[in-house]
N, C-alpha and C. Protein backbone atom coordinates (compact mmCIF):
# COMPACT_ATOMS: atom_id res chain seq x y z
N MET A 1 1.81 -18.49 39.18
CA MET A 1 2.54 -19.38 38.29
C MET A 1 3.60 -20.12 39.08
N THR A 2 3.76 -21.42 38.80
CA THR A 2 4.75 -22.22 39.51
C THR A 2 6.14 -21.93 38.98
N ASP A 3 7.12 -22.22 39.78
CA ASP A 3 8.51 -22.06 39.37
C ASP A 3 8.83 -23.10 38.31
N SER A 4 9.20 -22.67 37.12
CA SER A 4 9.45 -23.58 36.01
C SER A 4 10.60 -24.53 36.28
N LEU A 5 11.51 -24.14 37.16
CA LEU A 5 12.66 -24.99 37.45
C LEU A 5 12.30 -26.15 38.36
N SER A 6 11.26 -26.04 39.12
CA SER A 6 10.96 -27.08 40.11
C SER A 6 9.52 -27.58 39.99
N SER A 7 9.05 -27.72 38.78
CA SER A 7 7.72 -28.28 38.59
C SER A 7 7.71 -29.15 37.35
N ARG A 8 6.78 -30.04 37.34
CA ARG A 8 6.69 -30.97 36.22
C ARG A 8 5.94 -30.35 35.05
N PRO A 9 6.30 -30.74 33.85
CA PRO A 9 5.56 -30.24 32.69
C PRO A 9 4.14 -30.82 32.65
N GLN A 10 3.25 -30.06 32.11
CA GLN A 10 1.86 -30.48 31.97
C GLN A 10 1.64 -31.01 30.55
N PRO A 11 0.60 -31.83 30.34
CA PRO A 11 0.39 -32.45 29.02
C PRO A 11 0.43 -31.50 27.82
N GLY A 12 0.00 -30.29 27.92
CA GLY A 12 0.04 -29.38 26.77
C GLY A 12 1.43 -28.88 26.41
N GLU A 13 2.42 -29.25 27.20
CA GLU A 13 3.80 -28.80 26.96
C GLU A 13 4.62 -29.77 26.12
N TYR A 14 4.03 -30.86 25.68
CA TYR A 14 4.76 -31.84 24.88
C TYR A 14 3.76 -32.66 24.08
N ALA A 15 4.27 -33.28 23.03
CA ALA A 15 3.43 -34.13 22.18
C ALA A 15 3.00 -35.37 22.96
N PRO A 16 1.80 -35.87 22.71
CA PRO A 16 1.33 -37.06 23.43
C PRO A 16 2.31 -38.24 23.37
N PHE A 17 2.99 -38.42 22.26
CA PHE A 17 3.96 -39.50 22.12
C PHE A 17 5.04 -39.42 23.20
N PHE A 18 5.39 -38.22 23.61
CA PHE A 18 6.46 -38.01 24.58
C PHE A 18 6.01 -38.21 26.02
N ALA A 19 4.73 -38.45 26.24
CA ALA A 19 4.24 -38.68 27.61
C ALA A 19 4.96 -39.86 28.24
N ARG A 20 5.29 -40.87 27.45
CA ARG A 20 5.97 -42.03 28.02
C ARG A 20 7.34 -41.67 28.58
N TYR A 21 8.01 -40.71 27.97
CA TYR A 21 9.31 -40.27 28.48
C TYR A 21 9.14 -39.34 29.68
N VAL A 22 8.23 -38.41 29.58
CA VAL A 22 7.98 -37.48 30.69
C VAL A 22 7.53 -38.25 31.92
N ASP A 23 6.71 -39.27 31.73
CA ASP A 23 6.23 -40.08 32.86
C ASP A 23 7.37 -40.83 33.56
N LEU A 24 8.42 -41.14 32.83
CA LEU A 24 9.57 -41.84 33.42
C LEU A 24 10.51 -40.89 34.16
N ALA A 25 10.19 -39.63 34.17
CA ALA A 25 10.97 -38.62 34.90
C ALA A 25 10.03 -37.86 35.83
N PRO A 26 9.55 -38.52 36.90
CA PRO A 26 8.53 -37.91 37.75
C PRO A 26 9.06 -36.84 38.71
N GLU A 27 10.37 -36.70 38.79
CA GLU A 27 10.95 -35.75 39.73
C GLU A 27 10.63 -34.31 39.34
N ASP A 28 10.41 -33.47 40.35
CA ASP A 28 10.26 -32.03 40.09
C ASP A 28 11.62 -31.42 39.74
N ASP A 29 12.66 -31.82 40.45
CA ASP A 29 14.01 -31.29 40.22
C ASP A 29 14.71 -32.18 39.20
N VAL A 30 14.43 -31.90 37.94
CA VAL A 30 14.95 -32.75 36.87
C VAL A 30 16.47 -32.67 36.74
N LEU A 31 17.05 -31.54 37.04
CA LEU A 31 18.51 -31.43 36.93
C LEU A 31 19.22 -32.32 37.94
N SER A 32 18.75 -32.32 39.18
CA SER A 32 19.34 -33.22 40.18
C SER A 32 19.14 -34.68 39.78
N ALA A 33 17.98 -34.98 39.26
CA ALA A 33 17.70 -36.35 38.83
C ALA A 33 18.62 -36.76 37.68
N MET A 34 18.88 -35.84 36.77
CA MET A 34 19.79 -36.14 35.66
C MET A 34 21.20 -36.39 36.18
N HIS A 35 21.64 -35.58 37.12
CA HIS A 35 22.96 -35.80 37.74
C HIS A 35 23.01 -37.17 38.40
N GLY A 36 21.99 -37.50 39.15
CA GLY A 36 21.95 -38.77 39.87
C GLY A 36 21.84 -39.99 38.96
N GLN A 37 21.32 -39.79 37.78
CA GLN A 37 21.15 -40.90 36.83
C GLN A 37 22.47 -41.34 36.21
N ALA A 38 23.45 -40.47 36.16
CA ALA A 38 24.71 -40.75 35.45
C ALA A 38 25.38 -42.06 35.88
N PRO A 39 25.64 -42.27 37.17
CA PRO A 39 26.32 -43.53 37.53
C PRO A 39 25.46 -44.76 37.28
N ILE A 40 24.15 -44.61 37.37
CA ILE A 40 23.24 -45.72 37.11
C ILE A 40 23.33 -46.12 35.64
N SER A 41 23.29 -45.13 34.77
CA SER A 41 23.35 -45.40 33.33
C SER A 41 24.68 -46.03 32.94
N GLU A 42 25.75 -45.50 33.47
CA GLU A 42 27.07 -46.06 33.17
C GLU A 42 27.15 -47.53 33.59
N ARG A 43 26.71 -47.81 34.80
CA ARG A 43 26.74 -49.18 35.31
C ARG A 43 25.90 -50.11 34.43
N GLU A 44 24.70 -49.66 34.07
CA GLU A 44 23.80 -50.51 33.29
C GLU A 44 24.33 -50.76 31.87
N ILE A 45 24.89 -49.74 31.26
CA ILE A 45 25.42 -49.89 29.89
C ILE A 45 26.66 -50.77 29.90
N LEU A 46 27.53 -50.59 30.87
CA LEU A 46 28.77 -51.37 30.90
C LEU A 46 28.53 -52.83 31.26
N LYS A 47 27.34 -53.19 31.69
CA LYS A 47 27.01 -54.61 31.86
C LYS A 47 27.12 -55.36 30.54
N PHE A 48 27.07 -54.62 29.44
CA PHE A 48 27.11 -55.23 28.11
C PHE A 48 28.49 -55.11 27.46
N ALA A 49 29.50 -54.76 28.24
CA ALA A 49 30.85 -54.56 27.70
C ALA A 49 31.39 -55.81 27.01
N ASP A 50 30.97 -56.98 27.47
CA ASP A 50 31.47 -58.22 26.86
C ASP A 50 30.62 -58.68 25.67
N ARG A 51 29.52 -57.97 25.40
CA ARG A 51 28.66 -58.33 24.26
C ARG A 51 27.98 -57.09 23.68
N PRO A 52 28.76 -56.10 23.27
CA PRO A 52 28.18 -54.83 22.78
C PRO A 52 27.44 -54.95 21.46
N ASP A 53 27.67 -56.03 20.73
CA ASP A 53 26.99 -56.21 19.44
C ASP A 53 25.73 -57.06 19.56
N HIS A 54 25.37 -57.43 20.79
CA HIS A 54 24.20 -58.28 21.03
C HIS A 54 22.92 -57.58 20.58
N ARG A 55 22.05 -58.35 19.97
CA ARG A 55 20.69 -57.92 19.59
C ARG A 55 19.73 -58.95 20.18
N TYR A 56 18.61 -58.49 20.69
CA TYR A 56 17.67 -59.46 21.27
C TYR A 56 16.82 -60.14 20.20
N ALA A 57 16.87 -59.62 18.99
CA ALA A 57 16.22 -60.25 17.83
C ALA A 57 16.99 -59.78 16.60
N PRO A 58 16.97 -60.56 15.54
CA PRO A 58 17.78 -60.22 14.35
C PRO A 58 17.56 -58.82 13.78
N SER A 59 16.33 -58.33 13.79
CA SER A 59 16.06 -57.03 13.17
C SER A 59 16.17 -55.86 14.15
N LYS A 60 16.54 -56.13 15.39
CA LYS A 60 16.60 -55.08 16.41
C LYS A 60 18.01 -54.50 16.49
N TRP A 61 18.09 -53.30 17.09
CA TRP A 61 19.38 -52.63 17.23
C TRP A 61 20.29 -53.40 18.18
N SER A 62 21.59 -53.26 17.95
CA SER A 62 22.57 -53.82 18.87
C SER A 62 22.67 -52.91 20.10
N VAL A 63 23.32 -53.40 21.13
CA VAL A 63 23.54 -52.58 22.33
C VAL A 63 24.25 -51.29 21.93
N LYS A 64 25.28 -51.39 21.10
CA LYS A 64 26.02 -50.19 20.68
C LYS A 64 25.10 -49.22 19.94
N GLN A 65 24.22 -49.73 19.12
CA GLN A 65 23.29 -48.86 18.41
C GLN A 65 22.32 -48.17 19.37
N VAL A 66 21.88 -48.88 20.39
CA VAL A 66 21.01 -48.26 21.39
C VAL A 66 21.73 -47.11 22.07
N VAL A 67 22.96 -47.32 22.47
CA VAL A 67 23.71 -46.26 23.16
C VAL A 67 24.01 -45.11 22.19
N GLY A 68 24.32 -45.42 20.94
CA GLY A 68 24.52 -44.36 19.95
C GLY A 68 23.26 -43.55 19.74
N HIS A 69 22.13 -44.23 19.69
CA HIS A 69 20.83 -43.56 19.57
C HIS A 69 20.57 -42.66 20.79
N MET A 70 20.92 -43.15 21.97
CA MET A 70 20.76 -42.34 23.18
C MET A 70 21.58 -41.05 23.07
N ALA A 71 22.79 -41.16 22.56
CA ALA A 71 23.65 -39.98 22.40
C ALA A 71 23.07 -39.01 21.36
N ASP A 72 22.62 -39.55 20.23
CA ASP A 72 22.00 -38.70 19.20
C ASP A 72 20.79 -37.96 19.76
N THR A 73 19.94 -38.68 20.47
CA THR A 73 18.72 -38.09 21.01
C THR A 73 19.04 -37.06 22.08
N GLU A 74 20.05 -37.33 22.88
CA GLU A 74 20.48 -36.37 23.90
C GLU A 74 20.87 -35.05 23.23
N ARG A 75 21.63 -35.15 22.15
CA ARG A 75 22.03 -33.94 21.42
C ARG A 75 20.82 -33.23 20.81
N LEU A 76 19.95 -34.01 20.20
CA LEU A 76 18.78 -33.43 19.52
C LEU A 76 17.84 -32.73 20.50
N PHE A 77 17.47 -33.41 21.57
CA PHE A 77 16.56 -32.80 22.55
C PHE A 77 17.22 -31.59 23.20
N GLY A 78 18.53 -31.68 23.45
CA GLY A 78 19.25 -30.55 24.03
C GLY A 78 19.25 -29.35 23.09
N PHE A 79 19.44 -29.62 21.79
CA PHE A 79 19.40 -28.53 20.80
C PHE A 79 18.02 -27.89 20.77
N ARG A 80 16.99 -28.73 20.80
CA ARG A 80 15.63 -28.19 20.80
C ARG A 80 15.40 -27.32 22.04
N ALA A 81 15.86 -27.79 23.19
CA ALA A 81 15.70 -27.01 24.42
C ALA A 81 16.41 -25.67 24.31
N LEU A 82 17.61 -25.66 23.78
CA LEU A 82 18.35 -24.41 23.61
C LEU A 82 17.64 -23.49 22.62
N TRP A 83 17.19 -24.03 21.52
CA TRP A 83 16.49 -23.26 20.49
C TRP A 83 15.28 -22.55 21.08
N PHE A 84 14.48 -23.30 21.82
CA PHE A 84 13.26 -22.73 22.41
C PHE A 84 13.60 -21.78 23.55
N ALA A 85 14.61 -22.10 24.33
CA ALA A 85 15.01 -21.23 25.44
C ALA A 85 15.45 -19.86 24.94
N ARG A 86 16.00 -19.84 23.75
CA ARG A 86 16.45 -18.57 23.16
C ARG A 86 15.34 -17.86 22.41
N ALA A 87 14.12 -18.35 22.58
CA ALA A 87 12.91 -17.71 22.04
C ALA A 87 12.89 -17.63 20.52
N ASP A 88 13.49 -18.60 19.87
CA ASP A 88 13.42 -18.65 18.41
C ASP A 88 12.10 -19.32 18.03
N ALA A 89 11.29 -18.62 17.27
CA ALA A 89 9.95 -19.12 16.91
C ALA A 89 9.96 -20.04 15.70
N SER A 90 11.10 -20.22 15.07
CA SER A 90 11.16 -21.10 13.90
C SER A 90 10.90 -22.54 14.30
N PRO A 91 9.99 -23.21 13.62
CA PRO A 91 9.73 -24.62 13.96
C PRO A 91 10.91 -25.51 13.56
N LEU A 92 11.11 -26.57 14.32
CA LEU A 92 12.20 -27.51 14.06
C LEU A 92 11.64 -28.80 13.46
N PRO A 93 12.41 -29.43 12.59
CA PRO A 93 11.92 -30.67 11.97
C PRO A 93 11.93 -31.84 12.95
N GLY A 94 11.31 -32.90 12.52
CA GLY A 94 11.30 -34.13 13.30
C GLY A 94 12.55 -34.94 13.04
N MET A 95 12.60 -36.09 13.67
CA MET A 95 13.71 -37.01 13.50
C MET A 95 13.14 -38.41 13.37
N GLU A 96 13.47 -39.07 12.30
CA GLU A 96 13.04 -40.45 12.11
C GLU A 96 14.19 -41.34 12.56
N GLN A 97 14.04 -41.96 13.71
CA GLN A 97 15.14 -42.68 14.34
C GLN A 97 15.70 -43.80 13.47
N ASP A 98 14.89 -44.48 12.70
CA ASP A 98 15.41 -45.56 11.86
C ASP A 98 16.23 -45.02 10.69
N ASP A 99 15.84 -43.87 10.16
CA ASP A 99 16.65 -43.24 9.12
C ASP A 99 18.00 -42.78 9.68
N TRP A 100 17.96 -42.21 10.87
CA TRP A 100 19.21 -41.78 11.51
C TRP A 100 20.11 -43.00 11.77
N MET A 101 19.51 -44.08 12.21
CA MET A 101 20.30 -45.28 12.49
C MET A 101 20.93 -45.81 11.20
N ALA A 102 20.18 -45.80 10.11
CA ALA A 102 20.70 -46.29 8.84
C ALA A 102 21.88 -45.44 8.36
N ALA A 103 21.92 -44.19 8.75
CA ALA A 103 23.00 -43.29 8.32
C ALA A 103 24.15 -43.24 9.33
N SER A 104 24.04 -44.01 10.41
CA SER A 104 25.10 -44.00 11.42
C SER A 104 26.04 -45.19 11.20
N ASP A 105 27.14 -45.18 11.92
CA ASP A 105 28.07 -46.31 11.89
C ASP A 105 28.46 -46.67 13.31
N PHE A 106 27.47 -46.79 14.18
CA PHE A 106 27.74 -47.09 15.58
C PHE A 106 28.43 -48.44 15.76
N GLU A 107 28.22 -49.36 14.84
CA GLU A 107 28.84 -50.68 14.94
C GLU A 107 30.36 -50.60 14.90
N ALA A 108 30.91 -49.55 14.29
CA ALA A 108 32.36 -49.40 14.17
C ALA A 108 32.98 -48.68 15.36
N ILE A 109 32.16 -48.29 16.33
CA ILE A 109 32.63 -47.51 17.48
C ILE A 109 32.52 -48.40 18.72
N GLY A 110 33.50 -48.30 19.60
CA GLY A 110 33.48 -49.09 20.82
C GLY A 110 32.38 -48.64 21.77
N LEU A 111 31.87 -49.57 22.55
CA LEU A 111 30.80 -49.26 23.49
C LEU A 111 31.22 -48.17 24.47
N GLU A 112 32.44 -48.24 24.98
CA GLU A 112 32.91 -47.24 25.94
C GLU A 112 32.95 -45.85 25.30
N ASP A 113 33.35 -45.78 24.02
CA ASP A 113 33.37 -44.50 23.33
C ASP A 113 31.96 -43.96 23.10
N LEU A 114 31.03 -44.84 22.81
CA LEU A 114 29.64 -44.41 22.65
C LEU A 114 29.07 -43.91 23.98
N LEU A 115 29.41 -44.60 25.05
CA LEU A 115 28.98 -44.16 26.38
C LEU A 115 29.58 -42.80 26.71
N THR A 116 30.86 -42.61 26.40
CA THR A 116 31.51 -41.33 26.64
C THR A 116 30.84 -40.22 25.83
N SER A 117 30.45 -40.54 24.61
CA SER A 117 29.75 -39.57 23.77
C SER A 117 28.42 -39.17 24.38
N PHE A 118 27.68 -40.15 24.87
CA PHE A 118 26.42 -39.86 25.54
C PHE A 118 26.67 -39.00 26.78
N GLN A 119 27.64 -39.37 27.59
CA GLN A 119 27.94 -38.64 28.81
C GLN A 119 28.35 -37.20 28.52
N ALA A 120 29.13 -37.00 27.46
CA ALA A 120 29.55 -35.64 27.09
C ALA A 120 28.35 -34.79 26.68
N ALA A 121 27.44 -35.39 25.91
CA ALA A 121 26.24 -34.65 25.49
C ALA A 121 25.40 -34.31 26.71
N ARG A 122 25.27 -35.26 27.64
CA ARG A 122 24.49 -35.01 28.86
C ARG A 122 25.13 -33.90 29.68
N THR A 123 26.44 -33.95 29.84
CA THR A 123 27.13 -32.91 30.62
C THR A 123 26.90 -31.54 29.99
N SER A 124 27.01 -31.47 28.69
CA SER A 124 26.77 -30.21 27.99
C SER A 124 25.34 -29.72 28.21
N ASN A 125 24.38 -30.63 28.11
CA ASN A 125 22.98 -30.25 28.33
C ASN A 125 22.73 -29.81 29.76
N LEU A 126 23.34 -30.49 30.71
CA LEU A 126 23.17 -30.10 32.11
C LEU A 126 23.71 -28.69 32.36
N LEU A 127 24.86 -28.39 31.78
CA LEU A 127 25.42 -27.04 31.94
C LEU A 127 24.50 -26.00 31.31
N MET A 128 24.03 -26.28 30.11
CA MET A 128 23.14 -25.34 29.43
C MET A 128 21.85 -25.15 30.21
N LEU A 129 21.22 -26.23 30.61
CA LEU A 129 19.95 -26.14 31.33
C LEU A 129 20.11 -25.43 32.67
N SER A 130 21.20 -25.68 33.36
CA SER A 130 21.40 -25.07 34.68
C SER A 130 21.61 -23.57 34.60
N GLN A 131 21.93 -23.06 33.44
CA GLN A 131 22.17 -21.63 33.27
C GLN A 131 20.95 -20.87 32.77
N LEU A 132 19.85 -21.57 32.56
CA LEU A 132 18.64 -20.91 32.05
C LEU A 132 17.87 -20.22 33.16
N THR A 133 17.22 -19.15 32.82
CA THR A 133 16.35 -18.45 33.76
C THR A 133 15.01 -19.19 33.86
N PRO A 134 14.24 -18.94 34.89
CA PRO A 134 12.90 -19.56 34.96
C PRO A 134 12.04 -19.22 33.74
N ASP A 135 12.16 -18.02 33.22
CA ASP A 135 11.39 -17.66 32.01
C ASP A 135 11.79 -18.53 30.83
N ALA A 136 13.08 -18.80 30.70
CA ALA A 136 13.55 -19.63 29.58
C ALA A 136 13.03 -21.06 29.71
N TRP A 137 12.96 -21.59 30.93
CA TRP A 137 12.45 -22.94 31.15
C TRP A 137 10.99 -23.06 30.70
N ALA A 138 10.24 -21.99 30.80
CA ALA A 138 8.82 -22.01 30.45
C ALA A 138 8.59 -21.75 28.96
N ARG A 139 9.61 -21.31 28.24
CA ARG A 139 9.41 -20.99 26.82
C ARG A 139 9.06 -22.24 26.03
N ARG A 140 8.36 -21.97 24.92
CA ARG A 140 7.87 -23.07 24.09
C ARG A 140 8.25 -22.86 22.64
N GLY A 141 8.24 -23.97 21.94
CA GLY A 141 8.47 -23.94 20.52
C GLY A 141 7.80 -25.15 19.89
N VAL A 142 8.03 -25.31 18.59
CA VAL A 142 7.42 -26.41 17.86
C VAL A 142 8.53 -27.25 17.24
N ALA A 143 8.44 -28.57 17.48
CA ALA A 143 9.34 -29.54 16.85
C ALA A 143 8.49 -30.72 16.40
N SER A 144 8.80 -31.23 15.24
CA SER A 144 8.02 -32.36 14.69
C SER A 144 6.54 -32.02 14.60
N GLY A 145 6.23 -30.74 14.43
CA GLY A 145 4.84 -30.31 14.31
C GLY A 145 4.09 -30.27 15.63
N ASN A 146 4.80 -30.40 16.75
CA ASN A 146 4.18 -30.43 18.07
C ASN A 146 4.79 -29.39 19.00
N PRO A 147 3.98 -28.86 19.92
CA PRO A 147 4.52 -27.90 20.89
C PRO A 147 5.33 -28.61 21.97
N PHE A 148 6.39 -27.93 22.41
CA PHE A 148 7.22 -28.41 23.52
C PHE A 148 7.66 -27.22 24.34
N SER A 149 7.72 -27.41 25.65
CA SER A 149 8.38 -26.42 26.49
C SER A 149 9.80 -26.91 26.77
N VAL A 150 10.64 -25.99 27.16
CA VAL A 150 12.00 -26.36 27.54
C VAL A 150 11.94 -27.33 28.71
N ARG A 151 11.10 -27.04 29.67
CA ARG A 151 10.94 -27.90 30.84
C ARG A 151 10.55 -29.32 30.43
N ALA A 152 9.62 -29.46 29.49
CA ALA A 152 9.21 -30.78 29.02
C ALA A 152 10.36 -31.51 28.33
N LEU A 153 11.15 -30.78 27.57
CA LEU A 153 12.28 -31.41 26.90
C LEU A 153 13.31 -31.93 27.91
N ALA A 154 13.52 -31.20 28.99
CA ALA A 154 14.45 -31.66 30.02
C ALA A 154 13.95 -32.96 30.63
N HIS A 155 12.66 -33.04 30.93
CA HIS A 155 12.10 -34.28 31.46
C HIS A 155 12.15 -35.40 30.43
N ALA A 156 11.92 -35.07 29.16
CA ALA A 156 12.00 -36.08 28.10
C ALA A 156 13.42 -36.61 27.95
N LEU A 157 14.42 -35.75 28.14
CA LEU A 157 15.81 -36.22 28.10
C LEU A 157 16.03 -37.33 29.12
N LEU A 158 15.64 -37.08 30.34
CA LEU A 158 15.83 -38.06 31.41
C LEU A 158 14.96 -39.30 31.16
N GLY A 159 13.73 -39.10 30.78
CA GLY A 159 12.84 -40.23 30.54
C GLY A 159 13.28 -41.09 29.37
N HIS A 160 13.80 -40.48 28.32
CA HIS A 160 14.30 -41.24 27.17
C HIS A 160 15.48 -42.12 27.59
N GLU A 161 16.36 -41.56 28.37
CA GLU A 161 17.49 -42.34 28.89
C GLU A 161 16.98 -43.54 29.70
N ARG A 162 16.08 -43.29 30.61
CA ARG A 162 15.54 -44.36 31.45
C ARG A 162 14.78 -45.40 30.63
N ALA A 163 14.06 -44.96 29.61
CA ALA A 163 13.32 -45.90 28.76
C ALA A 163 14.27 -46.87 28.08
N HIS A 164 15.37 -46.36 27.57
CA HIS A 164 16.30 -47.25 26.87
C HIS A 164 17.10 -48.13 27.83
N LEU A 165 17.37 -47.65 29.01
CA LEU A 165 18.00 -48.51 30.01
C LEU A 165 17.06 -49.64 30.40
N GLN A 166 15.79 -49.33 30.48
CA GLN A 166 14.77 -50.33 30.80
C GLN A 166 14.71 -51.39 29.70
N ILE A 167 14.76 -50.94 28.46
CA ILE A 167 14.75 -51.87 27.32
C ILE A 167 15.99 -52.76 27.35
N LEU A 168 17.15 -52.16 27.60
CA LEU A 168 18.38 -52.94 27.69
C LEU A 168 18.26 -54.00 28.79
N SER A 169 17.75 -53.60 29.93
CA SER A 169 17.63 -54.50 31.07
C SER A 169 16.63 -55.64 30.80
N GLU A 170 15.51 -55.31 30.20
CA GLU A 170 14.44 -56.29 30.02
C GLU A 170 14.61 -57.17 28.79
N ARG A 171 15.13 -56.62 27.72
CA ARG A 171 15.17 -57.38 26.46
C ARG A 171 16.56 -57.87 26.08
N TYR A 172 17.59 -57.19 26.53
CA TYR A 172 18.94 -57.55 26.10
C TYR A 172 19.67 -58.42 27.12
N ALA A 173 19.21 -58.41 28.36
CA ALA A 173 19.88 -59.18 29.42
C ALA A 173 19.56 -60.64 29.29
């Protein structure tokens, strides 16, 4: 068996929908990659400091909403990772991102505060993940009706961040 801390998740460890996020985190050492991503994300998000309410189309999220969504997802995926790492077999519900957005008020929060919120959630997740045993990294659970390993969730965290930075760069710039 490979070391769960230094290997990539395999397709059976996450829902097919999440392959796009896992693929954006090709590193074996996901914790180091997450640490290294922090200054990149901050720089890319703060490029929009002068236009945080910008939307690339009328029905699309604003920059602030994208960053708020990133923070929400960071917390959610981190919670799922902790839940599964602690070997709780109870399945977790899904998250409908548009419903969550409708119930949020990210527009009333400054971009820098939203970035700080994301960074705090990431720091918390990094501390939690770095304290897990190899057995905990390999543990699995069910969320949104799909199986996930802790290892896959860690890669999805990084890939989700990169996916949204890519969207900001390509569509909002």
